[in-house]
Amino acid sequence: MDRRKPVVRDSAPTETPEGIIFGRNAVRELLKSGRPVDKIFVRRGDREGSINVIFAEAAERKIPIVEVEKEKLDRMCCGGVHQGVAASAAQKEYVDVEDILKIAEDRGEMPFIVILDGVEDPHNLGAVIRSADCAGAHGVIIPKRRSATLTSVVAKTSAGALEHMAVAKVGNLATEIDKLKEKGVWIYSAEAGGESIYSADLDRPSAFVFGSEGAGVSRLIKEKSDYIISIPLYGEVNSLNVSAAAAVVLCEAAHSRHKSTVKGK
């Protein structure tokens, strides 16, 4: 007589440690749940069966759909059975830009905002959010496309700061910058060749723009900026990583705002 107990196997997981949900049923349930979704990834050329329902629901909620090769989906889903579709689920609800301005108003402070123009590395996004919180910023603005989103990697890299930082995701950065300027917010883009952050007037309603790891701040955003500011560098390497640059600029901006409260000032 075989006394061995039957083996009970758990159903296969449908979410990776990085917050990628995969499989058609799992993605459809994610969309139904109301949980914030950053992007839907689908296998290039796959438009059959239930995938069309996912397309329709994503379009209705204005969730970006990205077509990728099967090999990329395989990597994203850690080899799981994805059935040609995956989704990036946000770790936190996004807010509107107006909500960020309201935070400043409620605190009785001038707006202090961080704008990221094409920062696609989640570790950099998490590190910038951490610096923004340490500097006392009221919120971070990221674009819907060409940007890292609020994955578990971002949450972990932020060392808890994500829980305290308002993050807005917008369709058009240039349009949002125009709206901020109409509300009296000055736009500073951090780029090489600008005025030193140590001589610039940073003690005013401000939004600081940091560009992508490779291309920097885009041409259109630089044109819309009120000031181009730079960090003086004295070594052989002529640039800082975006998250390191953000830490320096934001801490200097915070210092400018709080000079009157610093001992001896």
C-alpha atoms as a PDB file:
ATOM      1  CA  MET A   1       0.000   0.000   0.000  1.00  0.00           C
ATOM      2  CA  ASP A   2       1.368   3.405  -1.030  1.00  0.00           C
ATOM      3  CA  ARG A   3       1.221   5.675   2.011  1.00  0.00           C
ATOM      4  CA  ARG A   4       2.749   8.656   0.253  1.00  0.00           C
ATOM      5  CA  LYS A   5       0.604  11.790   0.392  1.00  0.00           C
ATOM      6  CA  PRO A   6      -0.448  13.331  -2.885  1.00  0.00           C
ATOM      7  CA  VAL A   7       1.555  16.353  -3.895  1.00  0.00           C
ATOM      8  CA  VAL A   8      -0.530  19.538  -3.998  1.00  0.00           C
ATOM      9  CA  ARG A   9       0.923  22.068  -6.386  1.00  0.00           C
ATOM     10  CA  ASP A  10       0.168  25.785  -6.159  1.00  0.00           C
ATOM     11  CA  SER A  11      -1.030  27.440  -9.317  1.00  0.00           C
ATOM     12  CA  ALA A  12       1.734  29.142 -11.291  1.00  0.00           C
ATOM     13  CA  PRO A  13       2.469  32.725 -10.176  1.00  0.00           C
ATOM     14  CA  THR A  14       1.332  35.494 -12.519  1.00  0.00           C
ATOM     15  CA  GLU A  15       3.322  38.386 -11.033  1.00  0.00           C
ATOM     16  CA  THR A  16       7.078  38.868 -10.964  1.00  0.00           C
ATOM     17  CA  PRO A  17       8.959  40.499  -8.068  1.00  0.00           C
ATOM     18  CA  GLU A  18       9.205  43.629 -10.247  1.00  0.00           C
ATOM     19  CA  GLY A  19       5.415  44.004 -10.395  1.00  0.00           C
ATOM     20  CA  ILE A  20       4.907  42.606 -13.919  1.00  0.00           C
ATOM     21  CA  ILE A  21       1.534  40.866 -14.234  1.00  0.00           C
ATOM     22  CA  PHE A  22       1.381  38.377 -17.125  1.00  0.00           C
ATOM     23  CA  GLY A  23      -1.089  36.102 -18.841  1.00  0.00           C
ATOM     24  CA  ARG A  24      -4.352  37.126 -20.487  1.00  0.00           C
ATOM     25  CA  ASN A  25      -6.660  36.271 -17.592  1.00  0.00           C
ATOM     26  CA  ALA A  26      -4.337  37.827 -15.029  1.00  0.00           C
ATOM     27  CA  VAL A  27      -4.063  41.085 -16.989  1.00  0.00           C
ATOM     28  CA  ARG A  28      -7.834  41.245 -17.506  1.00  0.00           C
ATOM     29  CA  GLU A  29      -8.398  40.767 -13.772  1.00  0.00           C
ATOM     30  CA  LEU A  30      -5.813  43.462 -13.081  1.00  0.00           C
ATOM     31  CA  LEU A  31      -7.717  45.881 -15.300  1.00  0.00           C
ATOM     32  CA  LYS A  32     -10.990  45.012 -13.541  1.00  0.00           C
ATOM     33  CA  SER A  33      -9.467  45.493 -10.082  1.00  0.00           C
ATOM     34  CA  GLY A  34      -8.930  49.213 -10.475  1.00  0.00           C
ATOM     35  CA  ARG A  35      -5.276  48.904  -9.429  1.00  0.00           C
ATOM     36  CA  PRO A  36      -3.180  51.552 -11.216  1.00  0.00           C
ATOM     37  CA  VAL A  37      -1.605  50.205 -14.416  1.00  0.00           C
ATOM     38  CA  ASP A  38       1.331  51.966 -16.059  1.00  0.00           C
ATOM     39  CA  LYS A  39       1.645  50.098 -19.362  1.00  0.00           C
ATOM     40  CA  ILE A  40       0.378  47.046 -21.226  1.00  0.00           C
ATOM     41  CA  PHE A  41       2.968  45.045 -23.192  1.00  0.00           C
ATOM     42  CA  VAL A  42       1.761  42.813 -26.031  1.00  0.00           C
ATOM     43  CA  ARG A  43       3.573  40.490 -28.400  1.00  0.00           C
ATOM     44  CA  ARG A  44       4.142  42.276 -31.704  1.00  0.00           C
ATOM     45  CA  GLY A  45       1.448  41.449 -34.262  1.00  0.00           C
ATOM     46  CA  ASP A  46      -0.777  39.579 -31.774  1.00  0.00           C
ATOM     47  CA  ARG A  47      -4.365  40.825 -32.155  1.00  0.00           C
ATOM     48  CA  GLU A  48      -6.421  37.655 -31.814  1.00  0.00           C
ATOM     49  CA  GLY A  49      -9.030  36.435 -29.340  1.00  0.00           C
ATOM     50  CA  SER A  50      -9.128  37.857 -25.824  1.00  0.00           C
ATOM     51  CA  ILE A  51      -6.185  40.148 -26.535  1.00  0.00           C
ATOM     52  CA  ASN A  52      -8.640  42.445 -28.335  1.00  0.00           C
ATOM     53  CA  VAL A  53     -10.661  42.811 -25.130  1.00  0.00           C
ATOM     54  CA  ILE A  54      -7.507  43.854 -23.288  1.00  0.00           C
ATOM     55  CA  PHE A  55      -6.721  46.374 -26.039  1.00  0.00           C
ATOM     56  CA  ALA A  56     -10.200  47.882 -25.727  1.00  0.00           C
ATOM     57  CA  GLU A  57     -10.107  48.131 -21.927  1.00  0.00           C
ATOM     58  CA  ALA A  58      -6.623  49.644 -21.981  1.00  0.00           C
ATOM     59  CA  ALA A  59      -7.659  52.201 -24.598  1.00  0.00           C
ATOM     60  CA  GLU A  60     -10.723  53.146 -22.547  1.00  0.00           C
ATOM     61  CA  ARG A  61      -8.537  53.799 -19.492  1.00  0.00           C
ATOM     62  CA  LYS A  62      -5.878  55.542 -21.633  1.00  0.00           C
ATOM     63  CA  ILE A  63      -3.202  53.059 -20.621  1.00  0.00           C
ATOM     64  CA  PRO A  64      -0.259  53.061 -23.067  1.00  0.00           C
ATOM     65  CA  ILE A  65       0.083  49.848 -25.111  1.00  0.00           C
ATOM     66  CA  VAL A  66       3.612  48.841 -26.126  1.00  0.00           C
ATOM     67  CA  GLU A  67       4.267  46.185 -28.769  1.00  0.00           C
ATOM     68  CA  VAL A  68       7.399  44.128 -28.041  1.00  0.00           C
ATOM     69  CA  GLU A  69       9.082  41.027 -29.374  1.00  0.00           C
ATOM     70  CA  LYS A  70       8.343  37.659 -27.740  1.00  0.00           C
ATOM     71  CA  GLU A  71      11.908  37.473 -26.403  1.00  0.00           C
ATOM     72  CA  LYS A  72      11.453  40.668 -24.415  1.00  0.00           C
ATOM     73  CA  LEU A  73       8.176  39.415 -22.958  1.00  0.00           C
ATOM     74  CA  ASP A  74       9.901  36.180 -21.977  1.00  0.00           C
ATOM     75  CA  ARG A  75      12.548  38.149 -20.073  1.00  0.00           C
ATOM     76  CA  MET A  76      10.024  40.496 -18.443  1.00  0.00           C
ATOM     77  CA  CYS A  77       7.942  37.554 -17.229  1.00  0.00           C
ATOM     78  CA  CYS A  78      10.941  35.539 -15.994  1.00  0.00           C
ATOM     79  CA  GLY A  79      10.077  32.699 -18.358  1.00  0.00           C
ATOM     80  CA  GLY A  80       6.439  32.446 -17.236  1.00  0.00           C
ATOM     81  CA  VAL A  81       3.579  31.628 -19.616  1.00  0.00           C
ATOM     82  CA  HIS A  82       2.525  35.123 -20.674  1.00  0.00           C
ATOM     83  CA  GLN A  83       0.243  34.287 -23.640  1.00  0.00           C
ATOM     84  CA  GLY A  84       1.537  37.348 -25.435  1.00  0.00           C
ATOM     85  CA  VAL A  85       0.557  39.968 -22.857  1.00  0.00           C
ATOM     86  CA  ALA A  86       1.925  41.537 -19.664  1.00  0.00           C
ATOM     87  CA  ALA A  87       1.250  44.657 -17.642  1.00  0.00           C
ATOM     88  CA  SER A  88       3.302  46.907 -15.424  1.00  0.00           C
ATOM     89  CA  ALA A  89       1.319  47.522 -12.244  1.00  0.00           C
ATOM     90  CA  ALA A  90       2.031  50.662 -10.207  1.00  0.00           C
ATOM     91  CA  GLN A  91       2.939  50.359  -6.533  1.00  0.00           C
ATOM     92  CA  LYS A  92       1.044  53.525  -5.676  1.00  0.00           C
ATOM     93  CA  GLU A  93      -1.839  55.633  -6.976  1.00  0.00           C
ATOM     94  CA  TYR A  94      -0.797  58.579  -9.112  1.00  0.00           C
ATOM     95  CA  VAL A  95      -2.056  62.073  -8.389  1.00  0.00           C
ATOM     96  CA  ASP A  96      -2.829  65.095 -10.560  1.00  0.00           C
ATOM     97  CA  VAL A  97      -0.441  68.028 -10.853  1.00  0.00           C
ATOM     98  CA  GLU A  98      -3.106  70.133  -9.135  1.00  0.00           C
ATOM     99  CA  ASP A  99      -2.832  67.812  -6.132  1.00  0.00           C
ATOM    100  CA  ILE A 100       0.895  68.570  -5.880  1.00  0.00           C
ATOM    101  CA  LEU A 101       0.212  72.308  -5.930  1.00  0.00           C
ATOM    102  CA  LYS A 102      -2.427  71.788  -3.247  1.00  0.00           C
ATOM    103  CA  ILE A 103       0.135  70.059  -1.014  1.00  0.00           C
ATOM    104  CA  ALA A 104       2.336  73.170  -1.227  1.00  0.00           C
ATOM    105  CA  GLU A 105      -0.634  75.416  -0.510  1.00  0.00           C
ATOM    106  CA  ASP A 106      -1.707  73.358   2.502  1.00  0.00           C
ATOM    107  CA  ARG A 107       1.815  73.566   3.930  1.00  0.00           C
ATOM    108  CA  GLY A 108       1.945  77.317   3.377  1.00  0.00           C
ATOM    109  CA  GLU A 109       5.005  76.899   1.135  1.00  0.00           C
ATOM    110  CA  MET A 110       6.041  77.960  -2.353  1.00  0.00           C
ATOM    111  CA  PRO A 111       5.689  75.085  -4.851  1.00  0.00           C
ATOM    112  CA  PHE A 112       8.791  72.874  -4.996  1.00  0.00           C
ATOM    113  CA  ILE A 113       8.387  70.314  -7.784  1.00  0.00           C
ATOM    114  CA  VAL A 114      10.600  67.790  -9.567  1.00  0.00           C
ATOM    115  CA  ILE A 115      10.026  66.991 -13.262  1.00  0.00           C
ATOM    116  CA  LEU A 116      11.705  63.996 -14.909  1.00  0.00           C
ATOM    117  CA  ASP A 117      12.058  64.141 -18.678  1.00  0.00           C
ATOM    118  CA  GLY A 118      12.624  60.611 -19.967  1.00  0.00           C
ATOM    119  CA  VAL A 119      14.314  58.948 -16.962  1.00  0.00           C
ATOM    120  CA  GLU A 120      13.834  55.267 -17.804  1.00  0.00           C
ATOM    121  CA  ASP A 121      15.982  53.521 -15.186  1.00  0.00           C
ATOM    122  CA  PRO A 122      13.764  52.546 -12.207  1.00  0.00           C
ATOM    123  CA  HIS A 123      16.743  52.741  -9.839  1.00  0.00           C
ATOM    124  CA  ASN A 124      17.307  56.358 -10.871  1.00  0.00           C
ATOM    125  CA  LEU A 125      13.614  57.167 -10.454  1.00  0.00           C
ATOM    126  CA  GLY A 126      13.601  55.658  -6.967  1.00  0.00           C
ATOM    127  CA  ALA A 127      16.764  57.529  -5.999  1.00  0.00           C
ATOM    128  CA  VAL A 128      15.356  60.856  -7.266  1.00  0.00           C
ATOM    129  CA  ILE A 129      12.141  60.316  -5.295  1.00  0.00           C
ATOM    130  CA  ARG A 130      14.250  59.701  -2.188  1.00  0.00           C
ATOM    131  CA  SER A 131      16.212  62.924  -2.774  1.00  0.00           C
ATOM    132  CA  ALA A 132      13.013  64.851  -3.487  1.00  0.00           C
ATOM    133  CA  ASP A 133      11.540  63.756  -0.173  1.00  0.00           C
ATOM    134  CA  CYS A 134      14.719  64.572   1.747  1.00  0.00           C
ATOM    135  CA  ALA A 135      14.778  68.065   0.194  1.00  0.00           C
ATOM    136  CA  GLY A 136      11.118  68.693   1.069  1.00  0.00           C
ATOM    137  CA  ALA A 137       9.742  68.705  -2.477  1.00  0.00           C
ATOM    138  CA  HIS A 138       5.968  68.577  -2.814  1.00  0.00           C
ATOM    139  CA  GLY A 139       5.815  66.152  -5.720  1.00  0.00           C
ATOM    140  CA  VAL A 140       7.385  64.531  -8.773  1.00  0.00           C
ATOM    141  CA  ILE A 141       6.015  64.673 -12.331  1.00  0.00           C
ATOM    142  CA  ILE A 142       6.814  61.957 -14.895  1.00  0.00           C
ATOM    143  CA  PRO A 143       5.553  61.443 -18.473  1.00  0.00           C
ATOM    144  CA  LYS A 144       3.358  58.505 -19.468  1.00  0.00           C
ATOM    145  CA  ARG A 145       5.840  57.475 -22.158  1.00  0.00           C
ATOM    146  CA  ARG A 146       9.636  57.203 -22.099  1.00  0.00           C
ATOM    147  CA  SER A 147       9.761  56.943 -18.348  1.00  0.00           C
ATOM    148  CA  ALA A 148      10.256  54.442 -15.587  1.00  0.00           C
ATOM    149  CA  THR A 149       7.066  53.894 -13.607  1.00  0.00           C
ATOM    150  CA  LEU A 150       6.249  53.113  -9.985  1.00  0.00           C
ATOM    151  CA  THR A 151       7.359  49.484  -9.827  1.00  0.00           C
ATOM    152  CA  SER A 152       8.512  47.604  -6.760  1.00  0.00           C
ATOM    153  CA  VAL A 153      12.117  48.330  -7.812  1.00  0.00           C
ATOM    154  CA  VAL A 154      11.380  52.066  -7.601  1.00  0.00           C
ATOM    155  CA  ALA A 155       9.682  51.622  -4.234  1.00  0.00           C
ATOM    156  CA  LYS A 156      12.649  49.664  -2.851  1.00  0.00           C
ATOM    157  CA  THR A 157      15.257  52.088  -4.234  1.00  0.00           C
ATOM    158  CA  SER A 158      13.392  55.049  -2.742  1.00  0.00           C
ATOM    159  CA  ALA A 159      13.986  53.515   0.728  1.00  0.00           C
ATOM    160  CA  GLY A 160      10.427  54.250   1.803  1.00  0.00           C
ATOM    161  CA  ALA A 161      10.237  57.768   0.331  1.00  0.00           C
ATOM    162  CA  LEU A 162       7.677  56.717  -2.287  1.00  0.00           C
ATOM    163  CA  GLU A 163       5.102  56.322   0.475  1.00  0.00           C
ATOM    164  CA  HIS A 164       5.474  60.026   1.305  1.00  0.00           C
ATOM    165  CA  MET A 165       5.912  61.506  -2.180  1.00  0.00           C
ATOM    166  CA  ALA A 166       3.097  62.544  -4.521  1.00  0.00           C
ATOM    167  CA  VAL A 167       3.798  61.417  -8.100  1.00  0.00           C
ATOM    168  CA  ALA A 168       1.853  62.663 -11.117  1.00  0.00           C
ATOM    169  CA  LYS A 169       1.979  60.926 -14.501  1.00  0.00           C
ATOM    170  CA  VAL A 170       1.082  63.223 -17.417  1.00  0.00           C
ATOM    171  CA  GLY A 171       0.535  62.801 -21.117  1.00  0.00           C
ATOM    172  CA  ASN A 172       2.466  65.883 -22.225  1.00  0.00           C
ATOM    173  CA  LEU A 173       5.250  67.435 -20.161  1.00  0.00           C
ATOM    174  CA  ALA A 174       5.419  70.584 -22.283  1.00  0.00           C
ATOM    175  CA  THR A 175       1.728  71.295 -21.736  1.00  0.00           C
ATOM    176  CA  GLU A 176       2.028  70.766 -17.984  1.00  0.00           C
ATOM    177  CA  ILE A 177       5.038  73.082 -17.852  1.00  0.00           C
ATOM    178  CA  ASP A 178       3.017  75.802 -19.604  1.00  0.00           C
ATOM    179  CA  LYS A 179       0.279  75.376 -16.992  1.00  0.00           C
ATOM    180  CA  LEU A 180       2.787  75.594 -14.146  1.00  0.00           C
ATOM    181  CA  LYS A 181       4.273  78.777 -15.584  1.00  0.00           C
ATOM    182  CA  GLU A 182       0.780  80.297 -15.781  1.00  0.00           C
ATOM    183  CA  LYS A 183       0.462  79.621 -12.042  1.00  0.00           C
ATOM    184  CA  GLY A 184       3.692  81.465 -11.287  1.00  0.00           C
ATOM    185  CA  VAL A 185       6.046  78.484 -11.066  1.00  0.00           C
ATOM    186  CA  TRP A 186       9.542  79.075 -12.463  1.00  0.00           C
ATOM    187  CA  ILE A 187      11.070  76.249 -14.524  1.00  0.00           C
ATOM    188  CA  TYR A 188      14.732  75.317 -14.050  1.00  0.00           C
ATOM    189  CA  SER A 189      16.317  72.720 -16.335  1.00  0.00           C
ATOM    190  CA  ALA A 190      19.488  71.068 -15.075  1.00  0.00           C
ATOM    191  CA  GLU A 191      21.869  70.907 -18.035  1.00  0.00           C
ATOM    192  CA  ALA A 192      25.514  71.549 -18.835  1.00  0.00           C
ATOM    193  CA  GLY A 193      26.464  75.096 -19.759  1.00  0.00           C
ATOM    194  CA  GLY A 194      23.947  76.877 -17.549  1.00  0.00           C
ATOM    195  CA  GLU A 195      24.235  79.219 -14.586  1.00  0.00           C
ATOM    196  CA  SER A 196      25.837  77.723 -11.492  1.00  0.00           C
ATOM    197  CA  ILE A 197      23.298  76.460  -8.972  1.00  0.00           C
ATOM    198  CA  TYR A 198      25.319  78.265  -6.297  1.00  0.00           C
ATOM    199  CA  SER A 199      24.681  81.696  -7.847  1.00  0.00           C
ATOM    200  CA  ALA A 200      21.186  81.152  -9.271  1.00  0.00           C
ATOM    201  CA  ASP A 201      18.144  82.455  -7.396  1.00  0.00           C
ATOM    202  CA  LEU A 202      16.354  79.254  -6.359  1.00  0.00           C
ATOM    203  CA  ASP A 203      14.259  80.773  -3.580  1.00  0.00           C
ATOM    204  CA  ARG A 204      10.979  81.069  -5.498  1.00  0.00           C
ATOM    205  CA  PRO A 205       8.089  78.841  -6.659  1.00  0.00           C
ATOM    206  CA  SER A 206      10.081  76.311  -8.665  1.00  0.00           C
ATOM    207  CA  ALA A 207      10.030  73.158 -10.738  1.00  0.00           C
ATOM    208  CA  PHE A 208      13.362  71.462 -11.469  1.00  0.00           C
ATOM    209  CA  VAL A 209      13.694  69.397 -14.648  1.00  0.00           C
ATOM    210  CA  PHE A 210      16.150  66.504 -14.931  1.00  0.00           C
ATOM    211  CA  GLY A 211      16.654  64.745 -18.249  1.00  0.00           C
ATOM    212  CA  SER A 212      17.267  61.216 -19.391  1.00  0.00           C
ATOM    213  CA  GLU A 213      20.460  59.320 -18.673  1.00  0.00           C
ATOM    214  CA  GLY A 214      21.620  59.667 -22.281  1.00  0.00           C
ATOM    215  CA  ALA A 215      19.972  62.615 -24.032  1.00  0.00           C
ATOM    216  CA  GLY A 216      19.433  64.943 -21.090  1.00  0.00           C
ATOM    217  CA  VAL A 217      16.569  67.423 -21.078  1.00  0.00           C
ATOM    218  CA  SER A 218      14.769  67.492 -24.434  1.00  0.00           C
ATOM    219  CA  ARG A 219      15.070  70.533 -26.693  1.00  0.00           C
ATOM    220  CA  LEU A 220      11.423  71.584 -26.350  1.00  0.00           C
ATOM    221  CA  ILE A 221      11.525  71.444 -22.543  1.00  0.00           C
ATOM    222  CA  LYS A 222      14.749  73.468 -22.465  1.00  0.00           C
ATOM    223  CA  GLU A 223      13.126  76.087 -24.686  1.00  0.00           C
ATOM    224  CA  LYS A 224      10.189  76.344 -22.285  1.00  0.00           C
ATOM    225  CA  SER A 225      12.450  76.659 -19.243  1.00  0.00           C
ATOM    226  CA  ASP A 226      13.023  79.993 -17.539  1.00  0.00           C
ATOM    227  CA  TYR A 227      16.563  79.054 -16.506  1.00  0.00           C
ATOM    228  CA  ILE A 228      19.235  76.512 -17.380  1.00  0.00           C
ATOM    229  CA  ILE A 229      21.272  75.642 -14.291  1.00  0.00           C
ATOM    230  CA  SER A 230      24.402  73.535 -13.862  1.00  0.00           C
ATOM    231  CA  ILE A 231      26.490  71.942 -11.137  1.00  0.00           C
ATOM    232  CA  PRO A 232      30.136  73.078 -11.256  1.00  0.00           C
ATOM    233  CA  LEU A 233      32.377  70.023 -11.724  1.00  0.00           C
ATOM    234  CA  TYR A 234      36.126  69.928 -11.132  1.00  0.00           C
ATOM    235  CA  GLY A 235      37.222  66.414 -12.092  1.00  0.00           C
ATOM    236  CA  GLU A 236      37.892  64.599 -15.339  1.00  0.00           C
ATOM    237  CA  VAL A 237      34.359  63.239 -15.785  1.00  0.00           C
ATOM    238  CA  ASN A 238      32.061  65.933 -17.151  1.00  0.00           C
ATOM    239  CA  SER A 239      28.677  64.780 -15.871  1.00  0.00           C
ATOM    240  CA  LEU A 240      26.866  63.212 -12.931  1.00  0.00           C
ATOM    241  CA  ASN A 241      24.348  60.397 -12.962  1.00  0.00           C
ATOM    242  CA  VAL A 242      20.843  61.912 -13.079  1.00  0.00           C
ATOM    243  CA  SER A 243      19.957  60.787  -9.570  1.00  0.00           C
ATOM    244  CA  ALA A 244      23.222  62.183  -8.159  1.00  0.00           C
ATOM    245  CA  ALA A 245      22.676  65.467  -9.995  1.00  0.00           C
ATOM    246  CA  ALA A 246      19.130  65.688  -8.675  1.00  0.00           C
ATOM    247  CA  ALA A 247      20.345  65.175  -5.113  1.00  0.00           C
ATOM    248  CA  VAL A 248      22.835  68.045  -5.408  1.00  0.00           C
ATOM    249  CA  VAL A 249      20.426  70.475  -7.104  1.00  0.00           C
ATOM    250  CA  LEU A 250      17.448  69.726  -4.857  1.00  0.00           C
ATOM    251  CA  CYS A 251      19.472  70.014  -1.657  1.00  0.00           C
ATOM    252  CA  GLU A 252      20.866  73.358  -2.809  1.00  0.00           C
ATOM    253  CA  ALA A 253      17.336  74.528  -3.642  1.00  0.00           C
ATOM    254  CA  ALA A 254      16.168  73.424  -0.192  1.00  0.00           C
ATOM    255  CA  HIS A 255      19.078  75.283   1.392  1.00  0.00           C
ATOM    256  CA  SER A 256      18.118  78.456  -0.499  1.00  0.00           C
ATOM    257  CA  ARG A 257      14.559  78.167   0.765  1.00  0.00           C
ATOM    258  CA  HIS A 258      15.536  77.613   4.376  1.00  0.00           C
ATOM    259  CA  LYS A 259      18.477  79.983   4.779  1.00  0.00           C
ATOM    260  CA  SER A 260      16.662  82.078   7.359  1.00  0.00           C
ATOM    261  CA  THR A 261      16.150  79.032   9.578  1.00  0.00           C
ATOM    262  CA  VAL A 262      19.733  77.744   9.335  1.00  0.00           C
ATOM    263  CA  LYS A 263      21.751  78.451  12.466  1.00  0.00           C
ATOM    264  CA  GLY A 264      24.026  81.414  12.032  1.00  0.00           C
ATOM    265  CA  LYS A 265      22.238  82.758   8.959  1.00  0.00           C
END
